[in-house]
């Protein structure tokens, strides 16, 4: 899902920054995180979440974002302290994989279509809302004496 979203946003002329394990294939900017060398215990998982939280906070202090999209089992544990709208989509743990025949239901083209029609649209609408809010704030400030 993340690859589809990244591709759809970039094709639509937006910029994306993806925080993912090193070597992850993205069309936007990849902020690489080290891959754990061994299976993680509970303490190791918390350390990885802390690294992701710190990276998100660092990016928020450096860049201006319209929307933050978190994708994963434990995204709720990586939520940043921010006024930026946040979209969270959980990973599926069903083990279901999409077939590769474009003529059959569940093909990757259908997942790409889902992302473009739903998730990317949500990002666009959130961005439009933010722009309206900024314009209203600027107008309000221009009336201040």
C-alpha atoms as a PDB file:
ATOM      1  CA  UNK A   1       0.000   0.000   0.000  1.00  0.00           C
ATOM      2  CA  UNK A   2       2.797   2.436   0.875  1.00  0.00           C
ATOM      3  CA  UNK A   3       4.471   2.003  -2.526  1.00  0.00           C
ATOM      4  CA  UNK A   4       1.158   2.695  -4.276  1.00  0.00           C
ATOM      5  CA  UNK A   5       0.507   5.783  -2.182  1.00  0.00           C
ATOM      6  CA  UNK A   6       4.030   7.117  -2.702  1.00  0.00           C
ATOM      7  CA  UNK A   7       3.755   6.577  -6.459  1.00  0.00           C
ATOM      8  CA  UNK A   8       0.260   8.104  -6.693  1.00  0.00           C
ATOM      9  CA  UNK A   9       1.265  11.211  -4.753  1.00  0.00           C
ATOM     10  CA  UNK A  10       4.382  11.736  -6.870  1.00  0.00           C
ATOM     11  CA  UNK A  11       2.467  11.200 -10.138  1.00  0.00           C
ATOM     12  CA  UNK A  12      -0.028  13.824  -8.947  1.00  0.00           C
ATOM     13  CA  UNK A  13       2.827  16.315  -8.512  1.00  0.00           C
ATOM     14  CA  UNK A  14       3.126  16.114  -4.725  1.00  0.00           C
ATOM     15  CA  UNK A  15       6.288  15.397  -2.760  1.00  0.00           C
ATOM     16  CA  UNK A  16       6.561  12.448  -0.417  1.00  0.00           C
ATOM     17  CA  UNK A  17       9.045  11.579   2.270  1.00  0.00           C
ATOM     18  CA  UNK A  18       9.009   7.933   3.285  1.00  0.00           C
ATOM     19  CA  UNK A  19      10.600   6.631   6.473  1.00  0.00           C
ATOM     20  CA  UNK A  20      11.262   2.956   5.859  1.00  0.00           C
ATOM     21  CA  UNK A  21      13.921   0.265   6.213  1.00  0.00           C
ATOM     22  CA  UNK A  22      17.075   0.784   4.177  1.00  0.00           C
ATOM     23  CA  UNK A  23      16.724  -0.291   0.560  1.00  0.00           C
ATOM     24  CA  UNK A  24      12.963   0.355   0.401  1.00  0.00           C
ATOM     25  CA  UNK A  25      11.926   1.348  -3.134  1.00  0.00           C
ATOM     26  CA  UNK A  26      10.188   4.756  -3.269  1.00  0.00           C
ATOM     27  CA  UNK A  27       9.567   7.467  -5.846  1.00  0.00           C
ATOM     28  CA  UNK A  28       9.819  10.249  -3.271  1.00  0.00           C
ATOM     29  CA  UNK A  29      12.548  10.837  -0.715  1.00  0.00           C
ATOM     30  CA  UNK A  30      13.551   7.828   1.376  1.00  0.00           C
ATOM     31  CA  UNK A  31      14.700   8.377   4.948  1.00  0.00           C
ATOM     32  CA  UNK A  32      16.371   5.053   5.618  1.00  0.00           C
ATOM     33  CA  UNK A  33      16.084   3.292   8.937  1.00  0.00           C
ATOM     34  CA  UNK A  34      18.406   0.394   9.805  1.00  0.00           C
ATOM     35  CA  UNK A  35      16.937  -3.088   9.514  1.00  0.00           C
ATOM     36  CA  UNK A  36      17.144  -5.116  12.736  1.00  0.00           C
ATOM     37  CA  UNK A  37      19.705  -7.896  12.375  1.00  0.00           C
ATOM     38  CA  UNK A  38      17.832 -10.350  14.580  1.00  0.00           C
ATOM     39  CA  UNK A  39      14.207 -10.886  15.570  1.00  0.00           C
ATOM     40  CA  UNK A  40      13.232  -8.275  18.123  1.00  0.00           C
ATOM     41  CA  UNK A  41      12.072  -8.820  21.652  1.00  0.00           C
ATOM     42  CA  UNK A  42       9.736  -6.327  23.329  1.00  0.00           C
ATOM     43  CA  UNK A  43      12.585  -3.986  24.331  1.00  0.00           C
ATOM     44  CA  UNK A  44      14.011  -4.078  20.807  1.00  0.00           C
ATOM     45  CA  UNK A  45      10.620  -3.266  19.296  1.00  0.00           C
ATOM     46  CA  UNK A  46      10.280  -0.258  21.604  1.00  0.00           C
ATOM     47  CA  UNK A  47      13.770   0.896  20.586  1.00  0.00           C
ATOM     48  CA  UNK A  48      12.768   0.758  16.903  1.00  0.00           C
ATOM     49  CA  UNK A  49       9.541   2.687  17.630  1.00  0.00           C
ATOM     50  CA  UNK A  50      11.591   5.289  19.516  1.00  0.00           C
ATOM     51  CA  UNK A  51      13.914   5.642  16.501  1.00  0.00           C
ATOM     52  CA  UNK A  52      10.933   6.170  14.200  1.00  0.00           C
ATOM     53  CA  UNK A  53       9.349   8.692  16.603  1.00  0.00           C
ATOM     54  CA  UNK A  54      12.621  10.630  16.833  1.00  0.00           C
ATOM     55  CA  UNK A  55      12.997  10.629  13.049  1.00  0.00           C
ATOM     56  CA  UNK A  56       9.425  11.854  12.563  1.00  0.00           C
ATOM     57  CA  UNK A  57       9.948  14.630  15.138  1.00  0.00           C
ATOM     58  CA  UNK A  58      13.222  15.641  13.443  1.00  0.00           C
ATOM     59  CA  UNK A  59      11.537  15.818  10.031  1.00  0.00           C
ATOM     60  CA  UNK A  60       8.647  17.841  11.474  1.00  0.00           C
ATOM     61  CA  UNK A  61      11.126  20.365  12.873  1.00  0.00           C
ATOM     62  CA  UNK A  62      12.887  20.621   9.491  1.00  0.00           C
ATOM     63  CA  UNK A  63      10.139  20.445   6.840  1.00  0.00           C
ATOM     64  CA  UNK A  64       6.575  21.697   6.478  1.00  0.00           C
ATOM     65  CA  UNK A  65       4.091  18.869   5.935  1.00  0.00           C
ATOM     66  CA  UNK A  66       0.464  18.967   4.838  1.00  0.00           C
ATOM     67  CA  UNK A  67      -0.361  15.395   5.912  1.00  0.00           C
ATOM     68  CA  UNK A  68       1.390  12.641   7.845  1.00  0.00           C
ATOM     69  CA  UNK A  69       0.523   9.088   6.828  1.00  0.00           C
ATOM     70  CA  UNK A  70       1.565   6.300   9.186  1.00  0.00           C
ATOM     71  CA  UNK A  71       1.326   2.704   7.969  1.00  0.00           C
ATOM     72  CA  UNK A  72       2.010  -0.314  10.140  1.00  0.00           C
ATOM     73  CA  UNK A  73       0.895  -2.538  12.982  1.00  0.00           C
ATOM     74  CA  UNK A  74       2.060  -0.174  15.690  1.00  0.00           C
ATOM     75  CA  UNK A  75       1.621   3.213  14.007  1.00  0.00           C
ATOM     76  CA  UNK A  76      -0.385   4.437  16.965  1.00  0.00           C
ATOM     77  CA  UNK A  77       2.771   4.104  19.072  1.00  0.00           C
ATOM     78  CA  UNK A  78       4.751   6.366  16.711  1.00  0.00           C
ATOM     79  CA  UNK A  79       2.299   9.282  16.605  1.00  0.00           C
ATOM     80  CA  UNK A  80       4.134  12.603  16.629  1.00  0.00           C
ATOM     81  CA  UNK A  81       3.151  15.668  18.636  1.00  0.00           C
ATOM     82  CA  UNK A  82       1.959  17.826  15.767  1.00  0.00           C
ATOM     83  CA  UNK A  83      -0.902  19.921  14.443  1.00  0.00           C
ATOM     84  CA  UNK A  84      -0.464  18.285  11.038  1.00  0.00           C
ATOM     85  CA  UNK A  85      -3.375  15.971  10.107  1.00  0.00           C
ATOM     86  CA  UNK A  86      -2.448  12.304  10.531  1.00  0.00           C
ATOM     87  CA  UNK A  87      -3.755   9.369   8.498  1.00  0.00           C
ATOM     88  CA  UNK A  88      -3.102   5.891   9.912  1.00  0.00           C
ATOM     89  CA  UNK A  89      -3.564   2.723   7.886  1.00  0.00           C
ATOM     90  CA  UNK A  90      -2.730  -0.582   9.573  1.00  0.00           C
ATOM     91  CA  UNK A  91      -0.852  -3.332   7.793  1.00  0.00           C
ATOM     92  CA  UNK A  92      -2.874  -6.448   7.199  1.00  0.00           C
ATOM     93  CA  UNK A  93      -1.674  -9.478   9.130  1.00  0.00           C
ATOM     94  CA  UNK A  94      -3.893 -11.873   7.194  1.00  0.00           C
ATOM     95  CA  UNK A  95      -1.047 -13.173   5.066  1.00  0.00           C
ATOM     96  CA  UNK A  96      -3.155 -12.582   1.963  1.00  0.00           C
ATOM     97  CA  UNK A  97      -1.103 -11.631  -1.056  1.00  0.00           C
ATOM     98  CA  UNK A  98      -2.396 -10.099  -4.228  1.00  0.00           C
ATOM     99  CA  UNK A  99      -2.295 -12.266  -7.332  1.00  0.00           C
ATOM    100  CA  UNK A 100      -0.380 -10.877 -10.303  1.00  0.00           C
ATOM    101  CA  UNK A 101      -2.906 -11.552 -13.082  1.00  0.00           C
ATOM    102  CA  UNK A 102      -4.272  -8.104 -14.039  1.00  0.00           C
ATOM    103  CA  UNK A 103      -7.528  -9.682 -15.186  1.00  0.00           C
ATOM    104  CA  UNK A 104      -8.371 -11.262 -11.845  1.00  0.00           C
ATOM    105  CA  UNK A 105      -9.769  -9.623  -8.709  1.00  0.00           C
ATOM    106  CA  UNK A 106      -7.123  -8.645  -6.207  1.00  0.00           C
ATOM    107  CA  UNK A 107      -4.516  -7.876  -8.843  1.00  0.00           C
ATOM    108  CA  UNK A 108      -1.935  -5.172  -8.049  1.00  0.00           C
ATOM    109  CA  UNK A 109      -3.637  -2.791 -10.473  1.00  0.00           C
ATOM    110  CA  UNK A 110      -6.734  -2.937  -8.268  1.00  0.00           C
ATOM    111  CA  UNK A 111      -4.694  -2.076  -5.171  1.00  0.00           C
ATOM    112  CA  UNK A 112      -3.150   0.854  -7.036  1.00  0.00           C
ATOM    113  CA  UNK A 113      -6.616   1.969  -8.080  1.00  0.00           C
ATOM    114  CA  UNK A 114      -7.839   1.711  -4.495  1.00  0.00           C
ATOM    115  CA  UNK A 115      -4.977   3.871  -3.274  1.00  0.00           C
ATOM    116  CA  UNK A 116      -5.437   6.464  -5.990  1.00  0.00           C
ATOM    117  CA  UNK A 117      -9.201   6.625  -5.476  1.00  0.00           C
ATOM    118  CA  UNK A 118      -9.300   6.563  -1.692  1.00  0.00           C
ATOM    119  CA  UNK A 119      -6.108   7.242   0.214  1.00  0.00           C
ATOM    120  CA  UNK A 120      -4.579   9.725  -2.254  1.00  0.00           C
ATOM    121  CA  UNK A 121      -7.938  11.516  -2.469  1.00  0.00           C
ATOM    122  CA  UNK A 122      -7.993  11.808   1.322  1.00  0.00           C
ATOM    123  CA  UNK A 123      -4.510  13.319   1.261  1.00  0.00           C
ATOM    124  CA  UNK A 124      -5.586  15.800  -1.420  1.00  0.00           C
ATOM    125  CA  UNK A 125      -8.690  16.816   0.542  1.00  0.00           C
ATOM    126  CA  UNK A 126      -6.676  17.210   3.745  1.00  0.00           C
ATOM    127  CA  UNK A 127      -4.191  19.392   1.868  1.00  0.00           C
ATOM    128  CA  UNK A 128      -7.008  21.533   0.468  1.00  0.00           C
ATOM    129  CA  UNK A 129      -8.479  21.947   3.963  1.00  0.00           C
ATOM    130  CA  UNK A 130      -5.128  23.013   5.334  1.00  0.00           C
ATOM    131  CA  UNK A 131      -4.720  25.541   2.515  1.00  0.00           C
ATOM    132  CA  UNK A 132      -8.158  27.022   3.258  1.00  0.00           C
ATOM    133  CA  UNK A 133      -7.265  27.271   6.963  1.00  0.00           C
ATOM    134  CA  UNK A 134      -3.978  29.010   6.158  1.00  0.00           C
ATOM    135  CA  UNK A 135      -5.743  31.452   3.846  1.00  0.00           C
ATOM    136  CA  UNK A 136      -8.339  32.201   6.527  1.00  0.00           C
ATOM    137  CA  UNK A 137      -5.587  32.813   9.096  1.00  0.00           C
ATOM    138  CA  UNK A 138      -3.743  35.130   6.701  1.00  0.00           C
ATOM    139  CA  UNK A 139      -6.945  37.037   5.983  1.00  0.00           C
ATOM    140  CA  UNK A 140      -7.687  37.305   9.694  1.00  0.00           C
ATOM    141  CA  UNK A 141      -4.159  38.603  10.342  1.00  0.00           C
ATOM    142  CA  UNK A 142      -4.507  41.187   7.559  1.00  0.00           C
ATOM    143  CA  UNK A 143      -7.548  42.637   9.382  1.00  0.00           C
ATOM    144  CA  UNK A 144      -5.642  42.888  12.668  1.00  0.00           C
ATOM    145  CA  UNK A 145      -4.450  46.366  13.460  1.00  0.00           C
END
